[in-house]
Amino acid sequence: MKILLNGKKALVGGSSSGIGRAIAMELAACGASVTLMARSEEKVKAVLADLNTDAGQEHCYLITDFNDYESHKGNLKYYFENHTVDILVNNTNGPQAGDVLHKEEVDYQQAFDLLFQNAVFASRLALPHMQSQGFGRIINVSSMTVKEPQDSLVLSNTMRTALVSWSKSLSNAVAADGVTVNSILTGYFDTDRLNSLMENQAKSVGVDVGDIRKQRVSSVPVKRLGDPKEYGYLTAFLASDYASFLTGAAIPLDGGIAKTLF
């Protein structure tokens, strides 16, 4: 099976590093023209230089700050006034870690805007073109904590669950138009975000971060962290014609760590 995305245009959030970067790289390798979207122009330009152009793709980037919802909305609106998107990857940085007793109302609102509102707004802007042409892919980078919440990630647990639920409803509404909507429930991937979480955990319990890393790896049945490239492979499949019968799903990509059946 060879995935070809020639002629398709993708918008990939959080694509200056980590999972977002890996997704952008793989979509480009499959022939898609990719718009990178992140807040660091220096990092984005470095990724842009590495994107495959063998199929004559025209890549570009959008500089925006997901944490500034009103500004980000304006940036997205301007972008969609001048571009169409066939493949939308909703991915942002995560909110700060913390448990339910140490978060205030303002923290929940900021996390809601970051993880839910940003994705909903981008999806609504992308949908008219997708529906009119009878093809579209909306893919949410979510988390395994949707099904197995972690007490130390209460903001992420809560808002990502809301987005997965909304996405299921959206998938039903647009399925007949040839648009699929799926979420990937991310496990432990070797990224800066995970390293930051492990460092915070190590500080809070007074142990070496290396010990925390070993614990994480040991908890995964395949006994390793995920390679972001593997995330790109799944996303490319979901973006392709091969996945046209797959929609409304929340797909674990976690090395088997999830203990739930559904």
Protein backbone atom coordinates (compact mmCIF):
# COMPACT_ATOMS: atom_id res chain seq x y z
CA MET A 1 0.00 0.00 0.00
CA LYS A 2 1.44 3.33 -1.07
CA ILE A 3 -0.17 6.45 0.29
CA LEU A 4 -0.36 9.25 -2.26
CA LEU A 5 -1.59 12.68 -1.22
CA ASN A 6 -0.54 14.51 -4.35
CA GLY A 7 -2.64 17.60 -4.95
CA LYS A 8 -3.89 17.69 -1.36
CA LYS A 9 -3.34 20.69 0.89
CA ALA A 10 -2.73 20.20 4.61
CA LEU A 11 -2.69 22.59 7.55
CA VAL A 12 -0.78 21.15 10.50
CA GLY A 13 -0.88 22.80 13.91
CA GLY A 14 2.05 22.76 16.30
CA SER A 15 4.34 21.66 13.49
CA SER A 16 7.61 23.30 14.54
CA SER A 17 8.67 20.27 16.59
CA GLY A 18 7.70 16.89 18.00
CA ILE A 19 4.58 15.13 16.81
CA GLY A 20 3.37 18.05 14.69
CA ARG A 21 6.67 18.21 12.85
CA ALA A 22 6.63 14.45 12.21
CA ILE A 23 3.08 14.69 10.82
CA ALA A 24 4.04 17.52 8.49
CA MET A 25 7.10 15.65 7.27
CA GLU A 26 5.14 12.49 6.48
CA LEU A 27 2.26 14.29 4.76
CA ALA A 28 4.80 16.09 2.57
CA ALA A 29 6.61 12.80 1.88
CA CYS A 30 3.29 11.42 0.62
CA GLY A 31 2.91 14.35 -1.79
CA ALA A 32 0.77 16.87 0.11
CA SER A 33 1.44 20.60 0.13
CA VAL A 34 1.78 21.53 3.80
CA THR A 35 1.17 24.73 5.69
CA LEU A 36 3.09 24.68 8.94
CA MET A 37 1.46 26.48 11.85
CA ALA A 38 3.26 27.44 15.07
CA ARG A 39 4.51 30.48 16.98
CA SER A 40 8.29 30.25 16.40
CA GLU A 41 9.17 31.48 12.92
CA GLU A 42 12.77 30.36 13.31
CA LYS A 43 11.75 26.77 14.10
CA VAL A 44 9.07 26.71 11.42
CA LYS A 45 11.50 27.87 8.75
CA ALA A 46 13.87 25.06 9.74
CA VAL A 47 11.09 22.49 9.29
CA LEU A 48 9.99 24.09 6.03
CA ALA A 49 13.47 23.57 4.60
CA ASP A 50 13.23 19.84 5.36
CA LEU A 51 9.83 19.19 3.75
CA ASN A 52 9.78 16.94 0.69
CA THR A 53 9.05 18.70 -2.63
CA ASP A 54 9.55 15.80 -5.05
CA ALA A 55 5.92 16.03 -6.24
CA GLY A 56 6.12 19.77 -6.88
CA GLN A 57 4.48 20.67 -3.58
CA GLU A 58 4.26 24.27 -2.48
CA HIS A 59 4.75 24.51 1.26
CA CYS A 60 4.24 27.59 3.41
CA TYR A 61 3.74 28.57 7.04
CA LEU A 62 1.48 30.53 9.36
CA ILE A 63 2.91 32.13 12.49
CA THR A 64 0.39 32.22 15.31
CA ASP A 65 0.14 31.76 19.07
CA PHE A 66 -2.41 29.15 20.12
CA ASN A 67 -2.40 30.58 23.64
CA ASP A 68 -3.82 33.91 22.43
CA TYR A 69 -7.24 32.79 21.28
CA GLU A 70 -8.53 36.08 19.87
CA SER A 71 -5.33 36.77 17.96
CA HIS A 72 -5.19 33.19 16.71
CA LYS A 73 -8.77 33.43 15.47
CA GLY A 74 -7.85 36.48 13.43
CA ASN A 75 -4.80 34.74 11.97
CA LEU A 76 -6.84 31.68 11.00
CA LYS A 77 -9.63 33.73 9.49
CA TYR A 78 -7.17 35.65 7.32
CA TYR A 79 -5.48 32.41 6.27
CA PHE A 80 -8.73 30.77 5.19
CA GLU A 81 -9.75 33.86 3.25
CA ASN A 82 -6.79 33.12 0.97
CA HIS A 83 -6.38 29.33 1.21
CA THR A 84 -8.34 26.10 1.19
CA VAL A 85 -7.44 22.98 3.13
CA ASP A 86 -8.16 19.32 2.37
CA ILE A 87 -6.47 17.92 5.46
CA LEU A 88 -6.66 19.68 8.83
CA VAL A 89 -4.54 18.46 11.73
CA ASN A 90 -5.66 20.04 14.99
CA ASN A 91 -2.63 20.04 17.25
CA THR A 92 -1.43 22.58 19.81
CA ASN A 93 0.90 22.74 22.76
CA GLY A 94 -0.60 21.31 25.92
CA PRO A 95 -1.73 23.26 28.99
CA GLN A 96 0.29 23.30 32.19
CA ALA A 97 0.18 20.20 34.34
CA GLY A 98 -1.56 20.26 37.71
CA ASP A 99 -4.27 18.55 39.72
CA VAL A 100 -7.87 19.53 40.29
CA LEU A 101 -7.19 21.26 43.63
CA HIS A 102 -4.58 23.60 42.19
CA LYS A 103 -6.36 25.02 39.15
CA GLU A 104 -8.52 28.14 39.06
CA GLU A 105 -11.39 29.14 36.80
CA VAL A 106 -9.07 31.16 34.58
CA ASP A 107 -6.90 28.06 34.03
CA TYR A 108 -9.88 26.09 32.79
CA GLN A 109 -10.93 28.89 30.45
CA GLN A 110 -7.45 29.17 28.96
CA ALA A 111 -7.25 25.41 28.48
CA PHE A 112 -10.73 25.39 26.93
CA ASP A 113 -9.67 28.01 24.38
CA LEU A 114 -6.37 26.24 23.71
CA LEU A 115 -7.55 22.66 23.28
CA PHE A 116 -11.22 22.98 22.33
CA GLN A 117 -12.07 26.36 20.86
CA ASN A 118 -9.00 26.53 18.61
CA ALA A 119 -9.81 23.17 17.05
CA VAL A 120 -13.51 23.92 16.65
CA PHE A 121 -12.84 27.27 15.01
CA ALA A 122 -10.29 25.85 12.57
CA SER A 123 -12.57 22.94 11.70
CA ARG A 124 -15.51 25.21 10.98
CA LEU A 125 -13.37 27.34 8.67
CA ALA A 126 -12.03 24.31 6.81
CA LEU A 127 -15.36 22.51 6.38
CA PRO A 128 -17.10 24.49 3.60
CA HIS A 129 -14.39 23.68 1.05
CA MET A 130 -14.17 20.06 2.20
CA GLN A 131 -17.91 19.58 1.91
CA SER A 132 -18.20 21.30 -1.46
CA GLN A 133 -15.55 19.06 -3.03
CA GLY A 134 -16.73 15.86 -1.36
CA PHE A 135 -13.45 15.18 0.41
CA GLY A 136 -11.94 16.27 3.69
CA ARG A 137 -9.97 14.99 6.62
CA ILE A 138 -9.99 16.45 10.14
CA ILE A 139 -7.55 14.75 12.47
CA ASN A 140 -7.21 15.69 16.13
CA VAL A 141 -4.04 15.07 18.09
CA SER A 142 -5.50 14.05 21.43
CA SER A 143 -4.35 11.95 24.38
CA MET A 144 -4.80 8.56 26.00
CA THR A 145 -5.90 10.48 29.11
CA VAL A 146 -9.27 10.94 27.40
CA LYS A 147 -10.01 7.34 28.39
CA GLU A 148 -7.73 7.04 31.41
CA PRO A 149 -7.44 10.48 33.05
CA GLN A 150 -4.23 11.32 34.91
CA ASP A 151 -4.78 13.32 38.09
CA SER A 152 -1.78 15.56 37.34
CA LEU A 153 -3.17 16.58 33.93
CA VAL A 154 -6.67 17.71 34.85
CA LEU A 155 -6.82 20.52 32.28
CA SER A 156 -5.72 18.29 29.42
CA ASN A 157 -7.98 15.41 30.49
CA THR A 158 -11.05 17.59 30.63
CA MET A 159 -10.68 19.65 27.47
CA ARG A 160 -9.43 16.86 25.24
CA THR A 161 -12.40 14.73 26.26
CA ALA A 162 -14.71 17.55 25.24
CA LEU A 163 -13.06 17.80 21.82
CA VAL A 164 -13.24 14.06 21.16
CA SER A 165 -16.95 14.11 22.04
CA TRP A 166 -17.59 17.11 19.77
CA SER A 167 -15.62 15.46 16.99
CA LYS A 168 -17.81 12.35 17.16
CA SER A 169 -20.89 14.51 16.67
CA LEU A 170 -19.19 16.40 13.83
CA SER A 171 -18.21 13.16 12.12
CA ASN A 172 -21.84 12.10 11.95
CA ALA A 173 -22.90 15.47 10.56
CA VAL A 174 -20.41 15.53 7.67
CA ALA A 175 -19.87 11.84 6.84
CA ALA A 176 -22.22 11.92 3.85
CA ASP A 177 -20.14 14.78 2.42
CA GLY A 178 -17.02 12.65 2.20
CA VAL A 179 -15.43 14.30 5.24
CA THR A 180 -13.97 12.13 7.99
CA VAL A 181 -13.20 13.26 11.53
CA ASN A 182 -10.94 11.18 13.76
CA SER A 183 -8.90 11.62 16.94
CA ILE A 184 -5.63 9.98 17.87
CA LEU A 185 -5.18 9.15 21.55
CA THR A 186 -1.51 9.77 22.11
CA GLY A 187 0.58 7.65 24.46
CA TYR A 188 4.14 8.30 25.58
CA PHE A 189 6.11 9.69 22.64
CA ASP A 190 9.70 10.85 22.79
CA THR A 191 9.03 14.59 22.52
CA ASP A 192 9.97 17.81 24.29
CA ARG A 193 6.48 17.90 25.82
CA LEU A 194 6.90 14.49 27.46
CA ASN A 195 10.40 15.34 28.63
CA SER A 196 9.06 18.52 30.25
CA LEU A 197 6.32 16.57 32.03
CA MET A 198 8.85 14.02 33.27
CA GLU A 199 11.15 16.76 34.56
CA ASN A 200 8.27 18.34 36.48
CA GLN A 201 7.29 14.96 37.90
CA ALA A 202 10.88 14.26 38.96
CA LYS A 203 11.11 17.59 40.78
CA SER A 204 7.79 17.07 42.55
CA VAL A 205 8.80 13.69 44.01
CA GLY A 206 12.51 14.43 44.42
CA VAL A 207 13.99 11.80 42.11
CA ASP A 208 16.21 11.83 39.04
CA VAL A 209 14.44 12.40 35.74
CA GLY A 210 16.20 9.32 34.38
CA ASP A 211 14.33 7.19 36.90
CA ILE A 212 11.01 8.71 35.80
CA ARG A 213 11.87 7.94 32.18
CA LYS A 214 12.66 4.33 33.05
CA GLN A 215 9.31 4.04 34.85
CA ARG A 216 7.47 5.41 31.82
CA VAL A 217 9.21 3.05 29.43
CA SER A 218 8.62 0.11 31.74
CA SER A 219 4.88 0.88 31.89
CA VAL A 220 4.52 0.57 28.11
CA PRO A 221 3.99 -3.04 26.96
CA VAL A 222 6.31 -2.59 23.96
CA LYS A 223 8.98 -1.29 26.40
CA ARG A 224 9.88 1.89 24.57
CA LEU A 225 8.58 5.37 23.88
CA GLY A 226 6.86 6.13 20.62
CA ASP A 227 8.83 7.59 17.72
CA PRO A 228 7.08 10.70 16.36
CA LYS A 229 7.59 9.27 12.84
CA GLU A 230 5.12 6.54 13.75
CA TYR A 231 2.55 9.24 14.48
CA GLY A 232 3.11 10.62 11.01
CA TYR A 233 2.43 7.22 9.45
CA LEU A 234 -0.96 6.87 11.13
CA THR A 235 -1.93 10.44 10.28
CA ALA A 236 -1.00 9.94 6.62
CA PHE A 237 -3.21 6.85 6.50
CA LEU A 238 -6.14 8.70 8.07
CA ALA A 239 -5.64 11.51 5.54
CA SER A 240 -5.72 9.14 2.58
CA ASP A 241 -8.46 7.57 0.49
CA TYR A 242 -7.70 4.26 2.22
CA ALA A 243 -9.36 5.59 5.38
CA SER A 244 -12.57 6.83 3.76
CA PHE A 245 -14.69 4.34 5.76
CA LEU A 246 -13.04 5.24 9.07
CA THR A 247 -14.64 8.18 10.87
CA GLY A 248 -15.76 9.20 14.32
CA ALA A 249 -13.02 7.09 15.87
CA ALA A 250 -10.73 7.73 18.83
CA ILE A 251 -7.69 5.63 17.98
CA PRO A 252 -5.11 4.73 20.64
CA LEU A 253 -1.48 5.08 19.56
CA ASP A 254 0.20 4.18 22.81
CA GLY A 255 2.24 0.98 22.59
CA GLY A 256 -0.56 -0.94 24.29
CA ILE A 257 -0.51 1.00 27.55
CA ALA A 258 -4.27 1.66 27.67
CA LYS A 259 -6.00 -0.79 29.98
CA THR A 260 -9.51 -0.20 28.66
CA LEU A 261 -11.08 -2.27 25.89
CA PHE A 262 -13.07 0.64 24.45
